[in-house]
Amino acid sequence: MTSRVTTLKADAKIAHALHLMSIHKFRHVMIVDDEGKPTGALSFRAIVRYIEESFLSPSKN
């Protein structure tokens, strides 16, 4: 028996992805298009890296 895969659309909020990862203890979530076809995967580490680069790095002005 196979289990159902938890997916998100590309326009989902990061908070929603983190919530799913937290409650299901996932490190990755599959990203799908409007037809439900996989387009990629989002990892917890990629989210952390994005936050580090966007909010914790010095401004590049």
PDB file of N, CA and C in Angstrom:
ATOM      1  N   MET A   1       0.847  -1.172   0.000  1.00  0.00           N
ATOM      2  CA  MET A   1       0.000   0.000   0.000  1.00  0.00           C
ATOM      3  C   MET A   1       0.899   1.244   0.000  1.00  0.00           C
ATOM      4  N   THR A   2       0.540   2.220  -0.813  1.00  0.00           N
ATOM      5  CA  THR A   2       1.280   3.476  -0.840  1.00  0.00           C
ATOM      6  C   THR A   2       0.497   4.536  -0.092  1.00  0.00           C
ATOM      7  N   SER A   3       1.229   5.447   0.517  1.00  0.00           N
ATOM      8  CA  SER A   3       0.564   6.534   1.232  1.00  0.00           C
ATOM      9  C   SER A   3       0.443   7.746   0.323  1.00  0.00           C
ATOM     10  N   ARG A   4      -0.520   8.574   0.614  1.00  0.00           N
ATOM     11  CA  ARG A   4      -0.755   9.779  -0.166  1.00  0.00           C
ATOM     12  C   ARG A   4       0.366  10.782   0.094  1.00  0.00           C
ATOM     13  N   VAL A   5       0.841  11.419  -0.967  1.00  0.00           N
ATOM     14  CA  VAL A   5       1.921  12.397  -0.865  1.00  0.00           C
ATOM     15  C   VAL A   5       1.333  13.764  -0.541  1.00  0.00           C
ATOM     16  N   THR A   6       1.920  14.446   0.420  1.00  0.00           N
ATOM     17  CA  THR A   6       1.502  15.803   0.759  1.00  0.00           C
ATOM     18  C   THR A   6       2.208  16.763  -0.189  1.00  0.00           C
ATOM     19  N   THR A   7       1.448  17.645  -0.819  1.00  0.00           N
ATOM     20  CA  THR A   7       2.004  18.569  -1.802  1.00  0.00           C
ATOM     21  C   THR A   7       1.573  20.002  -1.508  1.00  0.00           C
ATOM     22  N   LEU A   8       2.281  20.923  -2.138  1.00  0.00           N
ATOM     23  CA  LEU A   8       1.943  22.347  -2.091  1.00  0.00           C
ATOM     24  C   LEU A   8       2.041  22.909  -3.495  1.00  0.00           C
ATOM     25  N   LYS A   9       1.267  23.937  -3.768  1.00  0.00           N
ATOM     26  CA  LYS A   9       1.424  24.663  -5.026  1.00  0.00           C
ATOM     27  C   LYS A   9       2.560  25.670  -4.865  1.00  0.00           C
ATOM     28  N   ALA A  10       3.126  26.086  -5.985  1.00  0.00           N
ATOM     29  CA  ALA A  10       4.285  26.976  -5.967  1.00  0.00           C
ATOM     30  C   ALA A  10       3.992  28.316  -5.304  1.00  0.00           C
ATOM     31  N   ASP A  11       2.740  28.744  -5.288  1.00  0.00           N
ATOM     32  CA  ASP A  11       2.409  30.044  -4.700  1.00  0.00           C
ATOM     33  C   ASP A  11       2.028  29.952  -3.218  1.00  0.00           C
ATOM     34  N   ALA A  12       2.220  28.789  -2.615  1.00  0.00           N
ATOM     35  CA  ALA A  12       1.903  28.622  -1.188  1.00  0.00           C
ATOM     36  C   ALA A  12       2.842  29.466  -0.329  1.00  0.00           C
ATOM     37  N   LYS A  13       2.365  29.885   0.794  1.00  0.00           N
ATOM     38  CA  LYS A  13       3.165  30.673   1.735  1.00  0.00           C
ATOM     39  C   LYS A  13       4.198  29.784   2.420  1.00  0.00           C
ATOM     40  N   ILE A  14       5.351  30.367   2.721  1.00  0.00           N
ATOM     41  CA  ILE A  14       6.406  29.631   3.419  1.00  0.00           C
ATOM     42  C   ILE A  14       5.896  29.134   4.767  1.00  0.00           C
ATOM     43  N   ALA A  15       5.083  29.938   5.428  1.00  0.00           N
ATOM     44  CA  ALA A  15       4.542  29.534   6.730  1.00  0.00           C
ATOM     45  C   ALA A  15       3.713  28.256   6.609  1.00  0.00           C
ATOM     46  N   HIS A  16       2.980  28.115   5.513  1.00  0.00           N
ATOM     47  CA  HIS A  16       2.182  26.902   5.299  1.00  0.00           C
ATOM     48  C   HIS A  16       3.101  25.699   5.106  1.00  0.00           C
ATOM     49  N   ALA A  17       4.158  25.870   4.336  1.00  0.00           N
ATOM     50  CA  ALA A  17       5.119  24.784   4.132  1.00  0.00           C
ATOM     51  C   ALA A  17       5.751  24.372   5.456  1.00  0.00           C
ATOM     52  N   LEU A  18       6.166  25.343   6.252  1.00  0.00           N
ATOM     53  CA  LEU A  18       6.769  25.034   7.550  1.00  0.00           C
ATOM     54  C   LEU A  18       5.774  24.345   8.473  1.00  0.00           C
ATOM     55  N   HIS A  19       4.522  24.763   8.422  1.00  0.00           N
ATOM     56  CA  HIS A  19       3.486  24.133   9.245  1.00  0.00           C
ATOM     57  C   HIS A  19       3.325  22.653   8.865  1.00  0.00           C
ATOM     58  N   LEU A  20       3.215  22.384   7.570  1.00  0.00           N
ATOM     59  CA  LEU A  20       3.091  20.992   7.121  1.00  0.00           C
ATOM     60  C   LEU A  20       4.305  20.166   7.532  1.00  0.00           C
ATOM     61  N   MET A  21       5.483  20.742   7.350  1.00  0.00           N
ATOM     62  CA  MET A  21       6.707  20.030   7.714  1.00  0.00           C
ATOM     63  C   MET A  21       6.738  19.730   9.207  1.00  0.00           C
ATOM     64  N   SER A  22       6.258  20.659   9.982  1.00  0.00           N
ATOM     65  CA  SER A  22       6.278  20.495  11.434  1.00  0.00           C
ATOM     66  C   SER A  22       5.298  19.422  11.903  1.00  0.00           C
ATOM     67  N   ILE A  23       4.058  19.502  11.460  1.00  0.00           N
ATOM     68  CA  ILE A  23       3.060  18.559  11.973  1.00  0.00           C
ATOM     69  C   ILE A  23       3.259  17.143  11.447  1.00  0.00           C
ATOM     70  N   HIS A  24       3.822  17.021  10.241  1.00  0.00           N
ATOM     71  CA  HIS A  24       4.034  15.694   9.658  1.00  0.00           C
ATOM     72  C   HIS A  24       5.472  15.193   9.818  1.00  0.00           C
ATOM     73  N   LYS A  25       6.326  16.037  10.400  1.00  0.00           N
ATOM     74  CA  LYS A  25       7.742  15.706  10.587  1.00  0.00           C
ATOM     75  C   LYS A  25       8.438  15.405   9.254  1.00  0.00           C
ATOM     76  N   PHE A  26       8.130  16.250   8.247  1.00  0.00           N
ATOM     77  CA  PHE A  26       8.763  16.158   6.930  1.00  0.00           C
ATOM     78  C   PHE A  26       9.978  17.061   6.890  1.00  0.00           C
ATOM     79  N   ARG A  27      10.949  16.715   6.048  1.00  0.00           N
ATOM     80  CA  ARG A  27      12.045  17.624   5.751  1.00  0.00           C
ATOM     81  C   ARG A  27      11.913  18.177   4.337  1.00  0.00           C
ATOM     82  N   HIS A  28      11.014  17.580   3.549  1.00  0.00           N
ATOM     83  CA  HIS A  28      10.781  18.004   2.168  1.00  0.00           C
ATOM     84  C   HIS A  28       9.284  17.949   1.872  1.00  0.00           C
ATOM     85  N   VAL A  29       8.842  18.845   0.989  1.00  0.00           N
ATOM     86  CA  VAL A  29       7.460  18.842   0.506  1.00  0.00           C
ATOM     87  C   VAL A  29       7.518  18.976  -1.013  1.00  0.00           C
ATOM     88  N   MET A  30       6.725  18.173  -1.700  1.00  0.00           N
ATOM     89  CA  MET A  30       6.677  18.246  -3.161  1.00  0.00           C
ATOM     90  C   MET A  30       5.868  19.468  -3.595  1.00  0.00           C
ATOM     91  N   ILE A  31       6.362  20.142  -4.634  1.00  0.00           N
ATOM     92  CA  ILE A  31       5.684  21.296  -5.217  1.00  0.00           C
ATOM     93  C   ILE A  31       5.029  20.829  -6.515  1.00  0.00           C
ATOM     94  N   VAL A  32       3.759  21.195  -6.697  1.00  0.00           N
ATOM     95  CA  VAL A  32       3.015  20.781  -7.888  1.00  0.00           C
ATOM     96  C   VAL A  32       2.438  21.994  -8.613  1.00  0.00           C
ATOM     97  N   ASP A  33       2.144  21.796  -9.904  1.00  0.00           N
ATOM     98  CA  ASP A  33       1.512  22.862 -10.680  1.00  0.00           C
ATOM     99  C   ASP A  33      -0.006  22.795 -10.496  1.00  0.00           C
ATOM    100  N   ASP A  34      -0.730  23.605 -11.262  1.00  0.00           N
ATOM    101  CA  ASP A  34      -2.192  23.659 -11.128  1.00  0.00           C
ATOM    102  C   ASP A  34      -2.881  22.345 -11.494  1.00  0.00           C
ATOM    103  N   GLU A  35      -2.202  21.518 -12.275  1.00  0.00           N
ATOM    104  CA  GLU A  35      -2.765  20.224 -12.672  1.00  0.00           C
ATOM    105  C   GLU A  35      -2.358  19.102 -11.722  1.00  0.00           C
ATOM    106  N   GLY A  36      -1.583  19.435 -10.693  1.00  0.00           N
ATOM    107  CA  GLY A  36      -1.147  18.432  -9.728  1.00  0.00           C
ATOM    108  C   GLY A  36       0.102  17.681 -10.131  1.00  0.00           C
ATOM    109  N   LYS A  37       0.760  18.133 -11.201  1.00  0.00           N
ATOM    110  CA  LYS A  37       1.988  17.477 -11.656  1.00  0.00           C
ATOM    111  C   LYS A  37       3.175  18.039 -10.885  1.00  0.00           C
ATOM    112  N   PRO A  38       4.093  17.178 -10.454  1.00  0.00           N
ATOM    113  CA  PRO A  38       5.242  17.654  -9.676  1.00  0.00           C
ATOM    114  C   PRO A  38       6.150  18.573 -10.492  1.00  0.00           C
ATOM    115  N   THR A  39       6.579  19.658  -9.861  1.00  0.00           N
ATOM    116  CA  THR A  39       7.509  20.585 -10.511  1.00  0.00           C
ATOM    117  C   THR A  39       8.805  20.722  -9.726  1.00  0.00           C
ATOM    118  N   GLY A  40       8.829  20.205  -8.505  1.00  0.00           N
ATOM    119  CA  GLY A  40      10.037  20.294  -7.692  1.00  0.00           C
ATOM    120  C   GLY A  40       9.762  19.894  -6.261  1.00  0.00           C
ATOM    121  N   ALA A  41      10.764  20.132  -5.435  1.00  0.00           N
ATOM    122  CA  ALA A  41      10.646  19.818  -4.010  1.00  0.00           C
ATOM    123  C   ALA A  41      11.191  20.995  -3.214  1.00  0.00           C
ATOM    124  N   LEU A  42      10.605  21.241  -2.072  1.00  0.00           N
ATOM    125  CA  LEU A  42      11.051  22.299  -1.174  1.00  0.00           C
ATOM    126  C   LEU A  42      11.579  21.642   0.088  1.00  0.00           C
ATOM    127  N   SER A  43      12.805  21.988   0.454  1.00  0.00           N
ATOM    128  CA  SER A  43      13.399  21.397   1.653  1.00  0.00           C
ATOM    129  C   SER A  43      13.390  22.396   2.808  1.00  0.00           C
ATOM    130  N   PHE A  44      13.412  21.857   4.009  1.00  0.00           N
ATOM    131  CA  PHE A  44      13.501  22.696   5.197  1.00  0.00           C
ATOM    132  C   PHE A  44      14.767  23.538   5.133  1.00  0.00           C
ATOM    133  N   ARG A  45      15.865  22.929   4.705  1.00  0.00           N
ATOM    134  CA  ARG A  45      17.143  23.647   4.622  1.00  0.00           C
ATOM    135  C   ARG A  45      17.058  24.811   3.632  1.00  0.00           C
ATOM    136  N   ALA A  46      16.356  24.631   2.523  1.00  0.00           N
ATOM    137  CA  ALA A  46      16.199  25.716   1.549  1.00  0.00           C
ATOM    138  C   ALA A  46      15.436  26.891   2.156  1.00  0.00           C
ATOM    139  N   ILE A  47      14.446  26.601   2.984  1.00  0.00           N
ATOM    140  CA  ILE A  47      13.696  27.666   3.655  1.00  0.00           C
ATOM    141  C   ILE A  47      14.600  28.408   4.629  1.00  0.00           C
ATOM    142  N   VAL A  48      15.378  27.668   5.415  1.00  0.00           N
ATOM    143  CA  VAL A  48      16.301  28.295   6.367  1.00  0.00           C
ATOM    144  C   VAL A  48      17.308  29.165   5.625  1.00  0.00           C
ATOM    145  N   ARG A  49      17.854  28.668   4.530  1.00  0.00           N
ATOM    146  CA  ARG A  49      18.823  29.424   3.735  1.00  0.00           C
ATOM    147  C   ARG A  49      18.188  30.706   3.201  1.00  0.00           C
ATOM    148  N   TYR A  50      16.954  30.619   2.720  1.00  0.00           N
ATOM    149  CA  TYR A  50      16.243  31.794   2.214  1.00  0.00           C
ATOM    150  C   TYR A  50      16.077  32.842   3.311  1.00  0.00           C
ATOM    151  N   ILE A  51      15.681  32.398   4.496  1.00  0.00           N
ATOM    152  CA  ILE A  51      15.500  33.327   5.616  1.00  0.00           C
ATOM    153  C   ILE A  51      16.827  33.968   5.996  1.00  0.00           C
ATOM    154  N   GLU A  52      17.881  33.175   6.053  1.00  0.00           N
ATOM    155  CA  GLU A  52      19.205  33.715   6.386  1.00  0.00           C
ATOM    156  C   GLU A  52      19.620  34.782   5.386  1.00  0.00           C
ATOM    157  N   GLU A  53      19.483  34.480   4.099  1.00  0.00           N
ATOM    158  CA  GLU A  53      19.910  35.418   3.058  1.00  0.00           C
ATOM    159  C   GLU A  53      19.022  36.657   2.992  1.00  0.00           C
ATOM    160  N   SER A  54      17.738  36.488   3.228  1.00  0.00           N
ATOM    161  CA  SER A  54      16.799  37.601   3.086  1.00  0.00           C
ATOM    162  C   SER A  54      16.741  38.531   4.287  1.00  0.00           C
ATOM    163  N   PHE A  55      16.878  37.969   5.474  1.00  0.00           N
ATOM    164  CA  PHE A  55      16.628  38.770   6.665  1.00  0.00           C
ATOM    165  C   PHE A  55      17.822  38.933   7.595  1.00  0.00           C
ATOM    166  N   LEU A  56      18.759  38.017   7.550  1.00  0.00           N
ATOM    167  CA  LEU A  56      19.859  38.075   8.499  1.00  0.00           C
ATOM    168  C   LEU A  56      21.160  38.580   7.902  1.00  0.00           C
ATOM    169  N   SER A  57      21.272  38.576   6.576  1.00  0.00           N
ATOM    170  CA  SER A  57      22.485  39.060   5.929  1.00  0.00           C
ATOM    171  C   SER A  57      22.473  40.580   5.880  1.00  0.00           C
ATOM    172  N   PRO A  58      23.657  41.195   5.934  1.00  0.00           N
ATOM    173  CA  PRO A  58      23.718  42.661   5.820  1.00  0.00           C
ATOM    174  C   PRO A  58      23.142  43.125   4.481  1.00  0.00           C
ATOM    175  N   SER A  59      22.558  44.294   4.483  1.00  0.00           N
ATOM    176  CA  SER A  59      21.979  44.860   3.272  1.00  0.00           C
ATOM    177  C   SER A  59      23.055  45.066   2.220  1.00  0.00           C
ATOM    178  N   LYS A  60      22.691  44.864   0.954  1.00  0.00           N
ATOM    179  CA  LYS A  60      23.652  45.016  -0.143  1.00  0.00           C
ATOM    180  C   LYS A  60      23.457  46.351  -0.843  1.00  0.00           C
ATOM    181  N   ASN A  61      23.233  47.407  -0.096  1.00  0.00           N
ATOM    182  CA  ASN A  61      23.042  48.746  -0.672  1.00  0.00           C
ATOM    183  C   ASN A  61      24.351  49.428  -0.866  1.00  0.00           C
TER     184      ASN A  61
END
